[in-house]
Amino acid sequence: MKAFTALLDIVPGWMYALICAGLFGWGGINAYRVNSAQAEIAEIRAAHAEQETDRVRELGRELTRMVGITNNLNEAYREQTATIDDLERRARTDGVRLTKAQRDAAIAQGSAEAVRHYASVAGDVYQACRDEYRALGYDAARGSATAATLKAWVDSYAPAKEFDNKLTTFTDQLKGTK
């Protein structure tokens, strides 16, 4: 043991103090670097989580907007269907749909002036029906094109698909199925 202590006496004590101070300083600097790196990682994760939260909120708003558009289109469709049903009911109850035999009998019994008046009114009614039918066809074509465009847009909207996939995964995880 004396040889070991004699060996330690070769180096003065203040040198040991410097070596110990250097080791403690080096350890402190490394601990500071590790803590700084961990803090930076935590900040990056928090910023990323905030960005993802913002994206999910935006996708939710977009989804809510699309649902509103769909509901508005459905309501317009219901209103148009109700209008068509009402017109059909009125046409039946008002006796507009005469049979061919009833029309032929009325024409045969009428005077020339009555037949001319009947033909004029029939022509006006026919033209009004044609115009209404044409307008209904245009509205149906526009509605069909709008619905197809909206469906194609929704189907091709990648963030909505991504949001739907994430939502499905999240709900499956909550249920414990995955």
N, C-alpha and C. Protein backbone atom coordinates (compact mmCIF):
# COMPACT_ATOMS: atom_id res chain seq x y z
N MET A 1 0.81 -1.17 0.00
CA MET A 1 0.00 0.00 0.00
C MET A 1 0.87 1.25 0.00
N LYS A 2 2.02 1.15 0.65
CA LYS A 2 2.92 2.27 0.73
C LYS A 2 3.42 2.65 -0.65
N ALA A 3 3.60 1.65 -1.51
CA ALA A 3 4.06 1.93 -2.87
C ALA A 3 2.97 2.71 -3.64
N PHE A 4 1.74 2.36 -3.38
CA PHE A 4 0.64 3.05 -4.06
C PHE A 4 0.53 4.50 -3.62
N THR A 5 0.66 4.73 -2.32
CA THR A 5 0.59 6.10 -1.83
C THR A 5 1.81 6.89 -2.27
N ALA A 6 2.95 6.21 -2.38
CA ALA A 6 4.14 6.90 -2.86
C ALA A 6 3.93 7.32 -4.32
N LEU A 7 3.24 6.51 -5.05
CA LEU A 7 2.95 6.84 -6.44
C LEU A 7 2.03 8.05 -6.52
N LEU A 8 1.05 8.13 -5.60
CA LEU A 8 0.14 9.26 -5.59
C LEU A 8 0.86 10.55 -5.19
N ASP A 9 1.94 10.42 -4.42
CA ASP A 9 2.68 11.60 -3.99
C ASP A 9 3.48 12.22 -5.12
N ILE A 10 3.64 11.52 -6.23
CA ILE A 10 4.40 12.05 -7.35
C ILE A 10 3.69 13.27 -7.93
N VAL A 11 2.35 13.18 -8.02
CA VAL A 11 1.56 14.27 -8.57
C VAL A 11 1.09 15.12 -7.40
N PRO A 12 1.26 16.42 -7.48
CA PRO A 12 0.85 17.27 -6.36
C PRO A 12 -0.68 17.27 -6.20
N GLY A 13 -1.18 17.60 -5.04
CA GLY A 13 -2.61 17.57 -4.70
C GLY A 13 -3.43 18.55 -5.51
N TRP A 14 -2.84 19.71 -5.77
CA TRP A 14 -3.63 20.69 -6.54
C TRP A 14 -3.93 20.18 -7.95
N MET A 15 -3.05 19.29 -8.48
CA MET A 15 -3.28 18.72 -9.80
C MET A 15 -4.49 17.78 -9.75
N TYR A 16 -4.59 17.02 -8.64
CA TYR A 16 -5.77 16.16 -8.47
C TYR A 16 -7.05 17.01 -8.39
N ALA A 17 -6.93 18.14 -7.72
CA ALA A 17 -8.09 19.04 -7.61
C ALA A 17 -8.50 19.53 -9.00
N LEU A 18 -7.53 19.88 -9.85
CA LEU A 18 -7.84 20.32 -11.21
C LEU A 18 -8.47 19.20 -12.04
N ILE A 19 -7.91 18.00 -11.88
CA ILE A 19 -8.47 16.86 -12.63
C ILE A 19 -9.92 16.61 -12.20
N CYS A 20 -10.19 16.62 -10.90
CA CYS A 20 -11.55 16.41 -10.38
C CYS A 20 -12.48 17.53 -10.84
N ALA A 21 -12.00 18.77 -10.79
CA ALA A 21 -12.82 19.90 -11.23
C ALA A 21 -13.12 19.76 -12.73
N GLY A 22 -12.15 19.34 -13.51
CA GLY A 22 -12.36 19.13 -14.95
C GLY A 22 -13.38 18.04 -15.21
N LEU A 23 -13.28 16.94 -14.46
CA LEU A 23 -14.25 15.85 -14.64
C LEU A 23 -15.66 16.31 -14.27
N PHE A 24 -15.80 17.02 -13.14
CA PHE A 24 -17.12 17.53 -12.74
C PHE A 24 -17.65 18.54 -13.76
N GLY A 25 -16.79 19.39 -14.27
CA GLY A 25 -17.20 20.37 -15.28
C GLY A 25 -17.65 19.69 -16.56
N TRP A 26 -16.86 18.70 -16.99
CA TRP A 26 -17.22 17.95 -18.20
C TRP A 26 -18.56 17.23 -18.01
N GLY A 27 -18.76 16.64 -16.86
CA GLY A 27 -20.03 15.95 -16.56
C GLY A 27 -21.19 16.94 -16.54
N GLY A 28 -20.97 18.11 -15.98
CA GLY A 28 -22.03 19.12 -15.95
C GLY A 28 -22.40 19.61 -17.33
N ILE A 29 -21.36 19.84 -18.17
CA ILE A 29 -21.61 20.29 -19.53
C ILE A 29 -22.40 19.24 -20.31
N ASN A 30 -22.01 17.97 -20.17
CA ASN A 30 -22.73 16.90 -20.87
C ASN A 30 -24.16 16.77 -20.36
N ALA A 31 -24.37 16.92 -19.07
CA ALA A 31 -25.73 16.87 -18.52
C ALA A 31 -26.56 18.03 -19.07
N TYR A 32 -25.96 19.22 -19.17
CA TYR A 32 -26.66 20.37 -19.75
C TYR A 32 -27.03 20.11 -21.20
N ARG A 33 -26.09 19.54 -21.97
CA ARG A 33 -26.36 19.24 -23.38
C ARG A 33 -27.50 18.22 -23.53
N VAL A 34 -27.47 17.20 -22.70
CA VAL A 34 -28.53 16.18 -22.76
C VAL A 34 -29.88 16.80 -22.41
N ASN A 35 -29.92 17.60 -21.34
CA ASN A 35 -31.18 18.24 -20.94
C ASN A 35 -31.66 19.22 -22.02
N SER A 36 -30.73 19.96 -22.65
CA SER A 36 -31.11 20.88 -23.72
C SER A 36 -31.69 20.12 -24.90
N ALA A 37 -31.04 19.02 -25.27
CA ALA A 37 -31.53 18.21 -26.39
C ALA A 37 -32.92 17.65 -26.08
N GLN A 38 -33.11 17.18 -24.85
CA GLN A 38 -34.43 16.66 -24.47
C GLN A 38 -35.49 17.76 -24.50
N ALA A 39 -35.12 18.95 -24.08
CA ALA A 39 -36.07 20.07 -24.12
C ALA A 39 -36.42 20.43 -25.56
N GLU A 40 -35.42 20.43 -26.45
CA GLU A 40 -35.67 20.73 -27.86
C GLU A 40 -36.59 19.67 -28.47
N ILE A 41 -36.35 18.42 -28.14
CA ILE A 41 -37.19 17.33 -28.65
C ILE A 41 -38.62 17.51 -28.15
N ALA A 42 -38.78 17.86 -26.88
CA ALA A 42 -40.12 18.08 -26.32
C ALA A 42 -40.81 19.25 -27.02
N GLU A 43 -40.07 20.31 -27.32
CA GLU A 43 -40.65 21.46 -28.03
C GLU A 43 -41.07 21.07 -29.44
N ILE A 44 -40.24 20.29 -30.13
CA ILE A 44 -40.57 19.85 -31.49
C ILE A 44 -41.81 18.97 -31.46
N ARG A 45 -41.88 18.06 -30.49
CA ARG A 45 -43.06 17.20 -30.38
C ARG A 45 -44.31 18.02 -30.09
N ALA A 46 -44.21 19.00 -29.22
CA ALA A 46 -45.37 19.84 -28.89
C ALA A 46 -45.82 20.64 -30.13
N ALA A 47 -44.84 21.18 -30.88
CA ALA A 47 -45.18 21.93 -32.08
C ALA A 47 -45.85 21.02 -33.12
N HIS A 48 -45.31 19.81 -33.26
CA HIS A 48 -45.90 18.85 -34.21
C HIS A 48 -47.30 18.45 -33.77
N ALA A 49 -47.49 18.22 -32.50
CA ALA A 49 -48.81 17.87 -31.99
C ALA A 49 -49.80 19.01 -32.23
N GLU A 50 -49.35 20.24 -32.04
CA GLU A 50 -50.21 21.41 -32.28
C GLU A 50 -50.59 21.51 -33.76
N GLN A 51 -49.60 21.25 -34.65
CA GLN A 51 -49.88 21.28 -36.08
C GLN A 51 -50.89 20.19 -36.45
N GLU A 52 -50.72 19.00 -35.91
CA GLU A 52 -51.65 17.91 -36.20
C GLU A 52 -53.04 18.24 -35.66
N THR A 53 -53.10 18.83 -34.48
CA THR A 53 -54.39 19.23 -33.91
C THR A 53 -55.06 20.27 -34.79
N ASP A 54 -54.29 21.23 -35.28
CA ASP A 54 -54.84 22.24 -36.18
C ASP A 54 -55.36 21.61 -37.47
N ARG A 55 -54.60 20.66 -38.01
CA ARG A 55 -55.03 19.98 -39.23
C ARG A 55 -56.31 19.20 -39.00
N VAL A 56 -56.39 18.51 -37.87
CA VAL A 56 -57.60 17.75 -37.57
C VAL A 56 -58.79 18.70 -37.39
N ARG A 57 -58.56 19.83 -36.74
CA ARG A 57 -59.64 20.82 -36.58
C ARG A 57 -60.09 21.34 -37.95
N GLU A 58 -59.13 21.65 -38.81
CA GLU A 58 -59.45 22.14 -40.14
C GLU A 58 -60.22 21.09 -40.94
N LEU A 59 -59.77 19.83 -40.86
CA LEU A 59 -60.49 18.76 -41.54
C LEU A 59 -61.90 18.61 -40.97
N GLY A 60 -62.04 18.77 -39.68
CA GLY A 60 -63.37 18.71 -39.07
C GLY A 60 -64.26 19.82 -39.58
N ARG A 61 -63.71 21.04 -39.68
CA ARG A 61 -64.49 22.16 -40.22
C ARG A 61 -64.87 21.91 -41.67
N GLU A 62 -63.93 21.39 -42.44
CA GLU A 62 -64.19 21.10 -43.85
C GLU A 62 -65.26 20.01 -43.97
N LEU A 63 -65.16 19.01 -43.13
CA LEU A 63 -66.15 17.93 -43.15
C LEU A 63 -67.52 18.47 -42.76
N THR A 64 -67.57 19.33 -41.76
CA THR A 64 -68.83 19.94 -41.35
C THR A 64 -69.42 20.77 -42.48
N ARG A 65 -68.57 21.50 -43.20
CA ARG A 65 -69.03 22.30 -44.33
C ARG A 65 -69.60 21.41 -45.43
N MET A 66 -68.90 20.31 -45.71
CA MET A 66 -69.38 19.40 -46.75
C MET A 66 -70.69 18.73 -46.34
N VAL A 67 -70.81 18.39 -45.07
CA VAL A 67 -72.07 17.81 -44.60
C VAL A 67 -73.20 18.83 -44.74
N GLY A 68 -72.90 20.10 -44.45
CA GLY A 68 -73.90 21.16 -44.62
C GLY A 68 -74.33 21.29 -46.07
N ILE A 69 -73.37 21.24 -46.98
CA ILE A 69 -73.70 21.31 -48.41
C ILE A 69 -74.57 20.12 -48.81
N THR A 70 -74.20 18.94 -48.33
CA THR A 70 -74.98 17.75 -48.64
C THR A 70 -76.39 17.85 -48.08
N ASN A 71 -76.51 18.35 -46.86
CA ASN A 71 -77.84 18.52 -46.26
C ASN A 71 -78.66 19.53 -47.05
N ASN A 72 -78.04 20.61 -47.49
CA ASN A 72 -78.76 21.61 -48.30
C ASN A 72 -79.24 21.00 -49.62
N LEU A 73 -78.38 20.21 -50.26
CA LEU A 73 -78.77 19.55 -51.51
C LEU A 73 -79.90 18.55 -51.27
N ASN A 74 -79.81 17.81 -50.17
CA ASN A 74 -80.88 16.87 -49.84
C ASN A 74 -82.19 17.60 -49.58
N GLU A 75 -82.13 18.72 -48.90
CA GLU A 75 -83.34 19.51 -48.62
C GLU A 75 -83.94 20.03 -49.91
N ALA A 76 -83.10 20.52 -50.82
CA ALA A 76 -83.59 21.00 -52.12
C ALA A 76 -84.24 19.85 -52.89
N TYR A 77 -83.64 18.68 -52.83
CA TYR A 77 -84.21 17.51 -53.49
C TYR A 77 -85.57 17.17 -52.90
N ARG A 78 -85.66 17.19 -51.57
CA ARG A 78 -86.94 16.91 -50.92
C ARG A 78 -88.01 17.93 -51.32
N GLU A 79 -87.63 19.20 -51.37
CA GLU A 79 -88.58 20.24 -51.77
C GLU A 79 -89.05 20.04 -53.21
N GLN A 80 -88.13 19.71 -54.11
CA GLN A 80 -88.50 19.48 -55.50
C GLN A 80 -89.40 18.26 -55.62
N THR A 81 -89.10 17.21 -54.88
CA THR A 81 -89.94 16.02 -54.90
C THR A 81 -91.33 16.33 -54.37
N ALA A 82 -91.40 17.12 -53.30
CA ALA A 82 -92.70 17.50 -52.75
C ALA A 82 -93.48 18.34 -53.75
N THR A 83 -92.79 19.24 -54.45
CA THR A 83 -93.45 20.07 -55.47
C THR A 83 -94.00 19.20 -56.59
N ILE A 84 -93.22 18.25 -57.04
CA ILE A 84 -93.66 17.35 -58.11
C ILE A 84 -94.86 16.53 -57.64
N ASP A 85 -94.79 15.99 -56.42
CA ASP A 85 -95.91 15.22 -55.88
C ASP A 85 -97.16 16.08 -55.77
N ASP A 86 -96.99 17.34 -55.33
CA ASP A 86 -98.13 18.24 -55.21
C ASP A 86 -98.74 18.55 -56.59
N LEU A 87 -97.89 18.80 -57.59
CA LEU A 87 -98.40 19.06 -58.93
C LEU A 87 -99.13 17.85 -59.50
N GLU A 88 -98.59 16.69 -59.25
CA GLU A 88 -99.24 15.47 -59.74
C GLU A 88 -100.60 15.27 -59.05
N ARG A 89 -100.64 15.48 -57.74
CA ARG A 89 -101.89 15.35 -57.00
C ARG A 89 -102.92 16.35 -57.51
N ARG A 90 -102.49 17.60 -57.70
CA ARG A 90 -103.41 18.63 -58.20
C ARG A 90 -103.91 18.29 -59.59
N ALA A 91 -103.04 17.78 -60.44
CA ALA A 91 -103.45 17.42 -61.80
C ALA A 91 -104.51 16.32 -61.77
N ARG A 92 -104.34 15.37 -60.88
CA ARG A 92 -105.33 14.29 -60.79
C ARG A 92 -106.65 14.79 -60.21
N THR A 93 -106.56 15.60 -59.14
CA THR A 93 -107.80 16.05 -58.49
C THR A 93 -108.53 17.11 -59.30
N ASP A 94 -107.81 17.91 -60.06
CA ASP A 94 -108.46 18.97 -60.83
C ASP A 94 -109.07 18.44 -62.13
N GLY A 95 -108.87 17.19 -62.43
CA GLY A 95 -109.46 16.61 -63.62
C GLY A 95 -108.77 17.00 -64.91
N VAL A 96 -107.50 17.32 -64.84
CA VAL A 96 -106.78 17.71 -66.05
C VAL A 96 -106.57 16.51 -66.95
N ARG A 97 -106.48 15.34 -66.37
CA ARG A 97 -106.21 14.13 -67.16
C ARG A 97 -107.53 13.51 -67.66
N LEU A 98 -107.98 13.99 -68.75
CA LEU A 98 -109.19 13.45 -69.38
C LEU A 98 -108.81 12.26 -70.24
N THR A 99 -109.71 11.34 -70.34
CA THR A 99 -109.46 10.20 -71.21
C THR A 99 -109.68 10.62 -72.66
N LYS A 100 -109.18 9.82 -73.57
CA LYS A 100 -109.31 10.14 -75.00
C LYS A 100 -110.78 10.14 -75.40
N ALA A 101 -111.54 9.21 -74.88
CA ALA A 101 -112.96 9.14 -75.24
C ALA A 101 -113.70 10.39 -74.75
N GLN A 102 -113.37 10.88 -73.55
CA GLN A 102 -114.03 12.09 -73.03
C GLN A 102 -113.68 13.30 -73.90
N ARG A 103 -112.43 13.37 -74.33
CA ARG A 103 -112.01 14.48 -75.19
C ARG A 103 -112.72 14.42 -76.54
N ASP A 104 -112.75 13.23 -77.12
CA ASP A 104 -113.41 13.08 -78.43
C ASP A 104 -114.89 13.43 -78.35
N ALA A 105 -115.54 13.03 -77.27
CA ALA A 105 -116.98 13.32 -77.11
C ALA A 105 -117.20 14.82 -76.96
N ALA A 106 -116.36 15.49 -76.19
CA ALA A 106 -116.50 16.93 -75.99
C ALA A 106 -116.28 17.69 -77.29
N ILE A 107 -115.34 17.24 -78.10
CA ILE A 107 -115.06 17.91 -79.38
C ILE A 107 -116.22 17.68 -80.34
N ALA A 108 -116.75 16.46 -80.39
CA ALA A 108 -117.84 16.13 -81.32
C ALA A 108 -119.10 16.91 -80.99
N GLN A 109 -119.36 17.17 -79.73
CA GLN A 109 -120.58 17.85 -79.33
C GLN A 109 -120.43 19.37 -79.35
N GLY A 110 -119.25 19.89 -79.43
CA GLY A 110 -119.04 21.32 -79.34
C GLY A 110 -119.23 22.04 -80.67
N SER A 111 -119.44 23.34 -80.56
CA SER A 111 -119.55 24.18 -81.75
C SER A 111 -118.16 24.47 -82.30
N ALA A 112 -118.14 25.06 -83.49
CA ALA A 112 -116.85 25.37 -84.12
C ALA A 112 -116.06 26.35 -83.25
N GLU A 113 -116.75 27.33 -82.70
CA GLU A 113 -116.07 28.30 -81.83
C GLU A 113 -115.54 27.61 -80.57
N ALA A 114 -116.33 26.70 -79.99
CA ALA A 114 -115.89 25.98 -78.79
C ALA A 114 -114.69 25.10 -79.10
N VAL A 115 -114.71 24.46 -80.27
CA VAL A 115 -113.58 23.61 -80.67
C VAL A 115 -112.34 24.46 -80.87
N ARG A 116 -112.47 25.63 -81.52
CA ARG A 116 -111.31 26.52 -81.68
C ARG A 116 -110.77 26.96 -80.33
N HIS A 117 -111.69 27.34 -79.44
CA HIS A 117 -111.27 27.75 -78.09
C HIS A 117 -110.58 26.59 -77.35
N TYR A 118 -111.16 25.40 -77.49
CA TYR A 118 -110.57 24.21 -76.86
C TYR A 118 -109.17 23.95 -77.42
N ALA A 119 -109.03 24.06 -78.73
CA ALA A 119 -107.72 23.83 -79.36
C ALA A 119 -106.72 24.88 -78.91
N SER A 120 -107.18 26.14 -78.80
CA SER A 120 -106.28 27.21 -78.36
C SER A 120 -105.83 26.97 -76.92
N VAL A 121 -106.79 26.65 -76.04
CA VAL A 121 -106.44 26.39 -74.63
C VAL A 121 -105.56 25.15 -74.52
N ALA A 122 -105.91 24.11 -75.30
CA ALA A 122 -105.10 22.88 -75.27
C ALA A 122 -103.68 23.17 -75.73
N GLY A 123 -103.55 23.99 -76.77
CA GLY A 123 -102.21 24.36 -77.24
C GLY A 123 -101.44 25.14 -76.19
N ASP A 124 -102.13 26.08 -75.52
CA ASP A 124 -101.47 26.84 -74.44
C ASP A 124 -101.04 25.93 -73.30
N VAL A 125 -101.96 25.03 -72.90
CA VAL A 125 -101.65 24.10 -71.80
C VAL A 125 -100.50 23.19 -72.21
N TYR A 126 -100.56 22.72 -73.46
CA TYR A 126 -99.48 21.85 -73.95
C TYR A 126 -98.14 22.59 -73.94
N GLN A 127 -98.13 23.83 -74.39
CA GLN A 127 -96.89 24.61 -74.39
C GLN A 127 -96.39 24.86 -72.97
N ALA A 128 -97.32 25.16 -72.06
CA ALA A 128 -96.92 25.37 -70.65
C ALA A 128 -96.35 24.08 -70.07
N CYS A 129 -97.00 22.95 -70.40
CA CYS A 129 -96.48 21.66 -69.92
C CYS A 129 -95.11 21.38 -70.51
N ARG A 130 -94.95 21.66 -71.78
CA ARG A 130 -93.65 21.46 -72.43
C ARG A 130 -92.57 22.31 -71.78
N ASP A 131 -92.88 23.58 -71.53
CA ASP A 131 -91.91 24.47 -70.90
C ASP A 131 -91.55 23.98 -69.49
N GLU A 132 -92.58 23.59 -68.74
CA GLU A 132 -92.33 23.09 -67.39
C GLU A 132 -91.51 21.81 -67.42
N TYR A 133 -91.84 20.92 -68.36
CA TYR A 133 -91.11 19.67 -68.51
C TYR A 133 -89.66 19.93 -68.89
N ARG A 134 -89.44 20.86 -69.81
CA ARG A 134 -88.08 21.22 -70.22
C ARG A 134 -87.31 21.82 -69.04
N ALA A 135 -87.95 22.73 -68.29
CA ALA A 135 -87.29 23.33 -67.13
C ALA A 135 -86.96 22.27 -66.08
N LEU A 136 -87.88 21.35 -65.88
CA LEU A 136 -87.64 20.26 -64.93
C LEU A 136 -86.47 19.40 -65.39
N GLY A 137 -86.39 19.14 -66.68
CA GLY A 137 -85.27 18.36 -67.22
C GLY A 137 -83.95 19.09 -67.03
N TYR A 138 -83.94 20.41 -67.30
CA TYR A 138 -82.71 21.18 -67.09
C TYR A 138 -82.32 21.16 -65.61
N ASP A 139 -83.30 21.35 -64.72
CA ASP A 139 -82.99 21.33 -63.29
C ASP A 139 -82.45 19.97 -62.86
N ALA A 140 -83.05 18.91 -63.38
CA ALA A 140 -82.59 17.56 -63.04
C ALA A 140 -81.17 17.34 -63.55
N ALA A 141 -80.90 17.80 -64.77
CA ALA A 141 -79.55 17.63 -65.33
C ALA A 141 -78.53 18.42 -64.52
N ARG A 142 -78.90 19.67 -64.16
CA ARG A 142 -77.99 20.48 -63.34
C ARG A 142 -77.77 19.85 -61.98
N GLY A 143 -78.85 19.37 -61.36
CA GLY A 143 -78.73 18.74 -60.04
C GLY A 143 -77.90 17.48 -60.11
N SER A 144 -78.09 16.70 -61.16
CA SER A 144 -77.32 15.47 -61.32
C SER A 144 -75.85 15.79 -61.54
N ALA A 145 -75.57 16.78 -62.36
CA ALA A 145 -74.17 17.17 -62.61
C ALA A 145 -73.54 17.72 -61.34
N THR A 146 -74.30 18.52 -60.60
CA THR A 146 -73.77 19.08 -59.35
C THR A 146 -73.49 17.98 -58.34
N ALA A 147 -74.42 17.04 -58.22
CA ALA A 147 -74.22 15.94 -57.28
C ALA A 147 -73.03 15.08 -57.69
N ALA A 148 -72.89 14.81 -58.98
CA ALA A 148 -71.75 14.01 -59.45
C ALA A 148 -70.44 14.75 -59.21
N THR A 149 -70.42 16.05 -59.46
CA THR A 149 -69.21 16.84 -59.22
C THR A 149 -68.87 16.86 -57.75
N LEU A 150 -69.87 17.07 -56.90
CA LEU A 150 -69.63 17.10 -55.45
C LEU A 150 -69.13 15.75 -54.96
N LYS A 151 -69.73 14.66 -55.44
CA LYS A 151 -69.29 13.34 -55.02
C LYS A 151 -67.87 13.07 -55.47
N ALA A 152 -67.55 13.44 -56.71
CA ALA A 152 -66.19 13.24 -57.22
C ALA A 152 -65.20 14.08 -56.42
N TRP A 153 -65.59 15.31 -56.09
CA TRP A 153 -64.70 16.17 -55.31
C TRP A 153 -64.46 15.59 -53.92
N VAL A 154 -65.53 15.13 -53.27
CA VAL A 154 -65.39 14.55 -51.93
C VAL A 154 -64.55 13.28 -51.99
N ASP A 155 -64.79 12.43 -53.03
CA ASP A 155 -64.03 11.19 -53.15
C ASP A 155 -62.56 11.44 -53.42
N SER A 156 -62.25 12.54 -54.12
CA SER A 156 -60.85 12.81 -54.47
C SER A 156 -60.15 13.69 -53.45
N TYR A 157 -60.85 14.18 -52.45
CA TYR A 157 -60.25 15.09 -51.48
C TYR A 157 -59.42 14.29 -50.48
N ALA A 158 -58.10 14.25 -50.69
CA ALA A 158 -57.20 13.41 -49.91
C ALA A 158 -57.24 13.70 -48.41
N PRO A 159 -57.23 14.97 -47.96
CA PRO A 159 -57.28 15.19 -46.51
C PRO A 159 -58.53 14.62 -45.86
N ALA A 160 -59.65 14.61 -46.57
CA ALA A 160 -60.87 14.04 -46.00
C ALA A 160 -60.72 12.53 -45.86
N LYS A 161 -60.10 11.89 -46.88
CA LYS A 161 -59.86 10.45 -46.78
C LYS A 161 -58.90 10.14 -45.64
N GLU A 162 -57.85 10.94 -45.54
CA GLU A 162 -56.86 10.76 -44.48
C GLU A 162 -57.52 10.94 -43.11
N PHE A 163 -58.34 11.96 -42.99
CA PHE A 163 -59.05 12.20 -41.73
C PHE A 163 -59.98 11.04 -41.42
N ASP A 164 -60.68 10.54 -42.42
CA ASP A 164 -61.59 9.41 -42.22
C ASP A 164 -60.81 8.18 -41.78
N ASN A 165 -59.65 7.92 -42.42
CA ASN A 165 -58.83 6.78 -42.03
C ASN A 165 -58.33 6.92 -40.60
N LYS A 166 -57.86 8.13 -40.24
CA LYS A 166 -57.37 8.34 -38.88
C LYS A 166 -58.50 8.20 -37.88
N LEU A 167 -59.67 8.72 -38.21
CA LEU A 167 -60.81 8.62 -37.32
C LEU A 167 -61.23 7.17 -37.14
N THR A 168 -61.23 6.39 -38.21
CA THR A 168 -61.58 4.98 -38.12
C THR A 168 -60.58 4.23 -37.27
N THR A 169 -59.29 4.49 -37.50
CA THR A 169 -58.24 3.86 -36.70
C THR A 169 -58.39 4.22 -35.24
N PHE A 170 -58.64 5.48 -34.97
CA PHE A 170 -58.78 5.95 -33.58
C PHE A 170 -59.98 5.28 -32.90
N THR A 171 -61.12 5.21 -33.60
CA THR A 171 -62.29 4.60 -32.98
C THR A 171 -62.08 3.10 -32.81
N ASP A 172 -61.39 2.46 -33.75
CA ASP A 172 -61.08 1.03 -33.58
C ASP A 172 -60.18 0.81 -32.39
N GLN A 173 -59.22 1.70 -32.18
CA GLN A 173 -58.34 1.59 -31.02
C GLN A 173 -59.11 1.79 -29.73
N LEU A 174 -60.06 2.71 -29.75
CA LEU A 174 -60.87 2.93 -28.55
C LEU A 174 -61.71 1.70 -28.23
N LYS A 175 -62.21 1.06 -29.28
CA LYS A 175 -63.02 -0.14 -29.08
C LYS A 175 -62.16 -1.33 -28.68
N GLY A 176 -60.87 -1.26 -29.00
CA GLY A 176 -59.97 -2.34 -28.68
C GLY A 176 -59.97 -3.44 -29.72
N THR A 177 -60.40 -3.13 -30.94
CA THR A 177 -60.44 -4.15 -31.99
C THR A 177 -59.12 -4.29 -32.70
N LYS A 178 -58.26 -3.31 -32.59
CA LYS A 178 -56.96 -3.41 -33.28
C LYS A 178 -55.86 -3.48 -32.26
